[in-house]
Amino acid sequence: MERARYQIRMRALFLCLAVLTLTGCNSIMRVSGDNFEAAGIAPGRFENDNQTCRIQAEDYLAYDLRGMEGTRYRRTRAYNAAYRRCMTALGYRDRPYYHNWFPG
């Protein structure tokens, strides 16, 4: 009986740590076109806009002093901010967070 309780507790602890790890990973991942809604837009145009924004965000990291400094986490956040600004300026909207996990 005690062993079963121990196993249940350990599984719960493992699941909590796995969820925290996955949640933390999302904060250090680079955003992409998957994070934006492109309803009613031709796929070719969306790909061109996505590529343009990726290049602008990379240029920001490579040539702007604020983009060059800091840890990998800070650089990823700067990339995400530059990419998000570009996509928003082109008229795209952020997809709700749950749509990125549960498509359809």
N, C-alpha and C. Protein backbone atom coordinates (compact mmCIF):
# COMPACT_ATOMS: atom_id res chain seq x y z
N MET A 1 0.82 -1.20 0.00
CA MET A 1 0.00 0.00 0.00
C MET A 1 0.87 1.27 0.00
N GLU A 2 1.88 1.25 0.86
CA GLU A 2 2.76 2.42 0.94
C GLU A 2 3.55 2.59 -0.36
N ARG A 3 3.94 1.49 -0.97
CA ARG A 3 4.69 1.55 -2.23
C ARG A 3 3.83 2.15 -3.34
N ALA A 4 2.56 1.82 -3.39
CA ALA A 4 1.65 2.36 -4.41
C ALA A 4 1.50 3.87 -4.23
N ARG A 5 1.38 4.32 -2.99
CA ARG A 5 1.29 5.77 -2.73
C ARG A 5 2.56 6.48 -3.18
N TYR A 6 3.68 5.86 -2.89
CA TYR A 6 4.97 6.44 -3.29
C TYR A 6 5.04 6.56 -4.81
N GLN A 7 4.64 5.53 -5.52
CA GLN A 7 4.67 5.55 -6.98
C GLN A 7 3.73 6.62 -7.54
N ILE A 8 2.58 6.79 -6.95
CA ILE A 8 1.64 7.82 -7.39
C ILE A 8 2.24 9.20 -7.18
N ARG A 9 2.86 9.41 -6.03
CA ARG A 9 3.49 10.71 -5.75
C ARG A 9 4.63 10.99 -6.74
N MET A 10 5.42 9.97 -7.02
CA MET A 10 6.54 10.16 -7.94
C MET A 10 6.05 10.46 -9.36
N ARG A 11 4.98 9.79 -9.78
CA ARG A 11 4.41 10.09 -11.10
C ARG A 11 3.88 11.52 -11.16
N ALA A 12 3.21 11.93 -10.10
CA ALA A 12 2.69 13.30 -10.06
C ALA A 12 3.83 14.32 -10.11
N LEU A 13 4.89 14.05 -9.37
CA LEU A 13 6.06 14.94 -9.38
C LEU A 13 6.68 14.99 -10.77
N PHE A 14 6.83 13.83 -11.41
CA PHE A 14 7.39 13.78 -12.75
C PHE A 14 6.53 14.57 -13.73
N LEU A 15 5.22 14.42 -13.67
CA LEU A 15 4.33 15.15 -14.58
C LEU A 15 4.42 16.65 -14.35
N CYS A 16 4.48 17.06 -13.09
CA CYS A 16 4.61 18.50 -12.80
C CYS A 16 5.91 19.06 -13.36
N LEU A 17 7.00 18.34 -13.18
CA LEU A 17 8.28 18.80 -13.70
C LEU A 17 8.28 18.82 -15.22
N ALA A 18 7.65 17.84 -15.85
CA ALA A 18 7.58 17.81 -17.31
C ALA A 18 6.79 19.00 -17.84
N VAL A 19 5.67 19.32 -17.19
CA VAL A 19 4.86 20.46 -17.62
C VAL A 19 5.63 21.76 -17.44
N LEU A 20 6.30 21.92 -16.32
CA LEU A 20 7.09 23.13 -16.09
C LEU A 20 8.22 23.26 -17.11
N THR A 21 8.85 22.17 -17.44
CA THR A 21 9.93 22.20 -18.42
C THR A 21 9.41 22.60 -19.79
N LEU A 22 8.31 22.00 -20.21
CA LEU A 22 7.75 22.33 -21.52
C LEU A 22 7.25 23.76 -21.57
N THR A 23 6.68 24.24 -20.50
CA THR A 23 6.21 25.62 -20.45
C THR A 23 7.40 26.58 -20.53
N GLY A 24 8.46 26.26 -19.84
CA GLY A 24 9.65 27.11 -19.89
C GLY A 24 10.30 27.11 -21.25
N CYS A 25 10.26 25.98 -21.95
CA CYS A 25 10.86 25.91 -23.28
C CYS A 25 10.15 26.84 -24.26
N ASN A 26 8.87 27.01 -24.08
CA ASN A 26 8.13 27.88 -24.99
C ASN A 26 8.60 29.33 -24.87
N SER A 27 9.08 29.72 -23.70
CA SER A 27 9.51 31.10 -23.53
C SER A 27 10.87 31.37 -24.16
N ILE A 28 11.62 30.31 -24.51
CA ILE A 28 12.92 30.54 -25.13
C ILE A 28 12.96 30.09 -26.59
N MET A 29 11.82 29.71 -27.14
CA MET A 29 11.77 29.32 -28.55
C MET A 29 11.52 30.55 -29.41
N ARG A 30 12.05 30.50 -30.60
CA ARG A 30 11.78 31.60 -31.54
C ARG A 30 10.40 31.43 -32.15
N VAL A 31 9.70 32.54 -32.28
CA VAL A 31 8.39 32.51 -32.91
C VAL A 31 8.56 32.34 -34.41
N SER A 32 7.52 31.83 -35.04
CA SER A 32 7.56 31.63 -36.48
C SER A 32 6.18 31.94 -37.05
N GLY A 33 6.02 31.68 -38.31
CA GLY A 33 4.73 31.94 -38.96
C GLY A 33 3.60 31.12 -38.35
N ASP A 34 3.93 30.02 -37.68
CA ASP A 34 2.90 29.19 -37.05
C ASP A 34 2.18 29.94 -35.94
N ASN A 35 2.78 30.97 -35.42
CA ASN A 35 2.19 31.72 -34.32
C ASN A 35 1.27 32.85 -34.78
N PHE A 36 1.04 32.94 -36.08
CA PHE A 36 0.22 34.02 -36.62
C PHE A 36 -0.89 33.47 -37.50
N GLU A 37 -2.02 34.14 -37.47
CA GLU A 37 -3.15 33.76 -38.31
C GLU A 37 -2.98 34.37 -39.69
N ALA A 38 -3.24 33.55 -40.70
CA ALA A 38 -3.10 34.01 -42.08
C ALA A 38 -4.36 33.69 -42.87
N ALA A 39 -5.51 33.89 -42.25
CA ALA A 39 -6.78 33.57 -42.92
C ALA A 39 -7.01 34.52 -44.09
N GLY A 40 -7.36 33.97 -45.22
CA GLY A 40 -7.68 34.78 -46.39
C GLY A 40 -6.48 35.34 -47.12
N ILE A 41 -5.29 34.88 -46.78
CA ILE A 41 -4.08 35.39 -47.43
C ILE A 41 -3.48 34.25 -48.25
N ALA A 42 -3.04 34.56 -49.44
CA ALA A 42 -2.45 33.55 -50.31
C ALA A 42 -1.20 32.95 -49.66
N PRO A 43 -1.01 31.64 -49.76
CA PRO A 43 0.16 31.01 -49.14
C PRO A 43 1.49 31.60 -49.60
N GLY A 44 1.59 31.96 -50.87
CA GLY A 44 2.83 32.55 -51.37
C GLY A 44 3.15 33.88 -50.70
N ARG A 45 2.13 34.70 -50.52
CA ARG A 45 2.33 36.00 -49.86
C ARG A 45 2.73 35.80 -48.40
N PHE A 46 2.06 34.85 -47.74
CA PHE A 46 2.39 34.60 -46.34
C PHE A 46 3.83 34.13 -46.20
N GLU A 47 4.28 33.25 -47.07
CA GLU A 47 5.66 32.76 -47.01
C GLU A 47 6.65 33.90 -47.25
N ASN A 48 6.35 34.78 -48.19
CA ASN A 48 7.22 35.94 -48.45
C ASN A 48 7.28 36.86 -47.24
N ASP A 49 6.12 37.14 -46.64
CA ASP A 49 6.09 38.00 -45.45
C ASP A 49 6.83 37.35 -44.29
N ASN A 50 6.64 36.06 -44.12
CA ASN A 50 7.31 35.32 -43.06
C ASN A 50 8.82 35.39 -43.24
N GLN A 51 9.29 35.18 -44.45
CA GLN A 51 10.72 35.23 -44.75
C GLN A 51 11.27 36.64 -44.53
N THR A 52 10.53 37.65 -44.96
CA THR A 52 10.95 39.04 -44.76
C THR A 52 11.11 39.35 -43.28
N CYS A 53 10.15 38.94 -42.48
CA CYS A 53 10.21 39.23 -41.04
C CYS A 53 11.32 38.45 -40.35
N ARG A 54 11.56 37.22 -40.79
CA ARG A 54 12.67 36.45 -40.22
C ARG A 54 14.00 37.13 -40.52
N ILE A 55 14.15 37.63 -41.74
CA ILE A 55 15.40 38.32 -42.11
C ILE A 55 15.56 39.61 -41.30
N GLN A 56 14.48 40.36 -41.15
CA GLN A 56 14.55 41.60 -40.36
C GLN A 56 14.92 41.31 -38.91
N ALA A 57 14.34 40.25 -38.34
CA ALA A 57 14.66 39.91 -36.95
C ALA A 57 16.10 39.46 -36.82
N GLU A 58 16.59 38.68 -37.77
CA GLU A 58 17.99 38.26 -37.75
C GLU A 58 18.92 39.45 -37.90
N ASP A 59 18.58 40.38 -38.79
CA ASP A 59 19.38 41.59 -38.97
C ASP A 59 19.41 42.41 -37.69
N TYR A 60 18.29 42.47 -36.98
CA TYR A 60 18.25 43.21 -35.72
C TYR A 60 19.25 42.62 -34.73
N LEU A 61 19.31 41.29 -34.67
CA LEU A 61 20.26 40.65 -33.75
C LEU A 61 21.69 40.85 -34.20
N ALA A 62 21.91 40.89 -35.50
CA ALA A 62 23.27 40.97 -36.02
C ALA A 62 23.85 42.39 -36.02
N TYR A 63 22.99 43.40 -36.19
CA TYR A 63 23.51 44.75 -36.41
C TYR A 63 23.13 45.78 -35.35
N ASP A 64 22.14 45.50 -34.52
CA ASP A 64 21.74 46.45 -33.49
C ASP A 64 22.42 46.06 -32.17
N LEU A 65 23.02 47.03 -31.50
CA LEU A 65 23.74 46.72 -30.26
C LEU A 65 22.84 46.11 -29.21
N ARG A 66 21.59 46.56 -29.12
CA ARG A 66 20.68 45.98 -28.13
C ARG A 66 20.38 44.52 -28.47
N GLY A 67 20.38 44.19 -29.75
CA GLY A 67 20.13 42.81 -30.16
C GLY A 67 21.33 41.90 -29.97
N MET A 68 22.54 42.48 -30.03
CA MET A 68 23.76 41.68 -29.91
C MET A 68 24.09 41.31 -28.48
N GLU A 69 23.68 42.11 -27.54
CA GLU A 69 24.11 41.88 -26.17
C GLU A 69 23.18 40.90 -25.45
N GLY A 70 23.68 40.36 -24.39
CA GLY A 70 22.85 39.54 -23.53
C GLY A 70 23.02 38.05 -23.72
N THR A 71 22.27 37.34 -22.92
CA THR A 71 22.30 35.89 -22.95
C THR A 71 21.49 35.37 -24.13
N ARG A 72 21.54 34.08 -24.32
CA ARG A 72 20.75 33.48 -25.40
C ARG A 72 19.26 33.75 -25.19
N TYR A 73 18.82 33.67 -23.95
CA TYR A 73 17.42 33.95 -23.63
C TYR A 73 17.03 35.37 -24.04
N ARG A 74 17.88 36.35 -23.70
CA ARG A 74 17.58 37.74 -24.04
C ARG A 74 17.63 37.97 -25.55
N ARG A 75 18.55 37.30 -26.23
CA ARG A 75 18.63 37.43 -27.68
C ARG A 75 17.39 36.82 -28.34
N THR A 76 16.92 35.71 -27.82
CA THR A 76 15.71 35.09 -28.37
C THR A 76 14.51 35.99 -28.14
N ARG A 77 14.43 36.60 -26.98
CA ARG A 77 13.33 37.52 -26.71
C ARG A 77 13.40 38.73 -27.65
N ALA A 78 14.60 39.22 -27.92
CA ALA A 78 14.75 40.36 -28.84
C ALA A 78 14.34 39.94 -30.26
N TYR A 79 14.73 38.74 -30.67
CA TYR A 79 14.33 38.22 -31.99
C TYR A 79 12.80 38.13 -32.07
N ASN A 80 12.19 37.54 -31.04
CA ASN A 80 10.74 37.38 -31.03
C ASN A 80 10.02 38.72 -31.10
N ALA A 81 10.53 39.70 -30.38
CA ALA A 81 9.90 41.03 -30.39
C ALA A 81 10.01 41.67 -31.78
N ALA A 82 11.18 41.57 -32.40
CA ALA A 82 11.37 42.15 -33.74
C ALA A 82 10.50 41.43 -34.77
N TYR A 83 10.45 40.11 -34.69
CA TYR A 83 9.64 39.33 -35.62
C TYR A 83 8.16 39.65 -35.44
N ARG A 84 7.72 39.71 -34.19
CA ARG A 84 6.31 39.99 -33.91
C ARG A 84 5.93 41.39 -34.39
N ARG A 85 6.81 42.38 -34.19
CA ARG A 85 6.54 43.75 -34.68
C ARG A 85 6.36 43.76 -36.18
N CYS A 86 7.23 43.05 -36.88
CA CYS A 86 7.17 43.01 -38.34
C CYS A 86 5.88 42.35 -38.81
N MET A 87 5.55 41.21 -38.27
CA MET A 87 4.33 40.50 -38.70
C MET A 87 3.08 41.31 -38.37
N THR A 88 3.06 41.96 -37.23
CA THR A 88 1.91 42.78 -36.86
C THR A 88 1.79 43.98 -37.80
N ALA A 89 2.92 44.57 -38.18
CA ALA A 89 2.90 45.71 -39.09
C ALA A 89 2.38 45.31 -40.47
N LEU A 90 2.56 44.06 -40.84
CA LEU A 90 2.07 43.57 -42.12
C LEU A 90 0.60 43.13 -42.06
N GLY A 91 0.00 43.23 -40.88
CA GLY A 91 -1.43 42.95 -40.75
C GLY A 91 -1.79 41.59 -40.20
N TYR A 92 -0.82 40.81 -39.76
CA TYR A 92 -1.12 39.49 -39.20
C TYR A 92 -1.44 39.62 -37.71
N ARG A 93 -2.26 38.71 -37.23
CA ARG A 93 -2.62 38.69 -35.80
C ARG A 93 -2.03 37.46 -35.14
N ASP A 94 -1.68 37.61 -33.86
CA ASP A 94 -1.21 36.46 -33.09
C ASP A 94 -2.31 35.42 -33.00
N ARG A 95 -1.90 34.16 -33.14
CA ARG A 95 -2.86 33.08 -32.89
C ARG A 95 -2.97 32.91 -31.39
N PRO A 96 -4.15 32.60 -30.90
CA PRO A 96 -4.25 32.28 -29.47
C PRO A 96 -3.32 31.12 -29.13
N TYR A 97 -2.78 31.14 -27.95
CA TYR A 97 -1.77 30.17 -27.52
C TYR A 97 -2.26 28.73 -27.69
N TYR A 98 -3.51 28.46 -27.32
CA TYR A 98 -4.00 27.08 -27.37
C TYR A 98 -4.13 26.58 -28.80
N HIS A 99 -4.26 27.46 -29.80
CA HIS A 99 -4.33 27.02 -31.20
C HIS A 99 -2.98 26.45 -31.65
N ASN A 100 -1.91 26.88 -31.03
CA ASN A 100 -0.60 26.35 -31.38
C ASN A 100 -0.40 24.93 -30.84
N TRP A 101 -1.12 24.59 -29.78
CA TRP A 101 -1.01 23.25 -29.21
C TRP A 101 -2.08 22.30 -29.73
N PHE A 102 -3.28 22.84 -29.99
CA PHE A 102 -4.40 22.01 -30.42
C PHE A 102 -4.95 22.53 -31.74
N PRO A 103 -4.32 22.16 -32.86
CA PRO A 103 -4.79 22.69 -34.15
C PRO A 103 -6.18 22.16 -34.50
N GLY A 104 -6.86 22.96 -35.30
CA GLY A 104 -8.16 22.50 -35.79
C GLY A 104 -9.33 23.16 -35.19
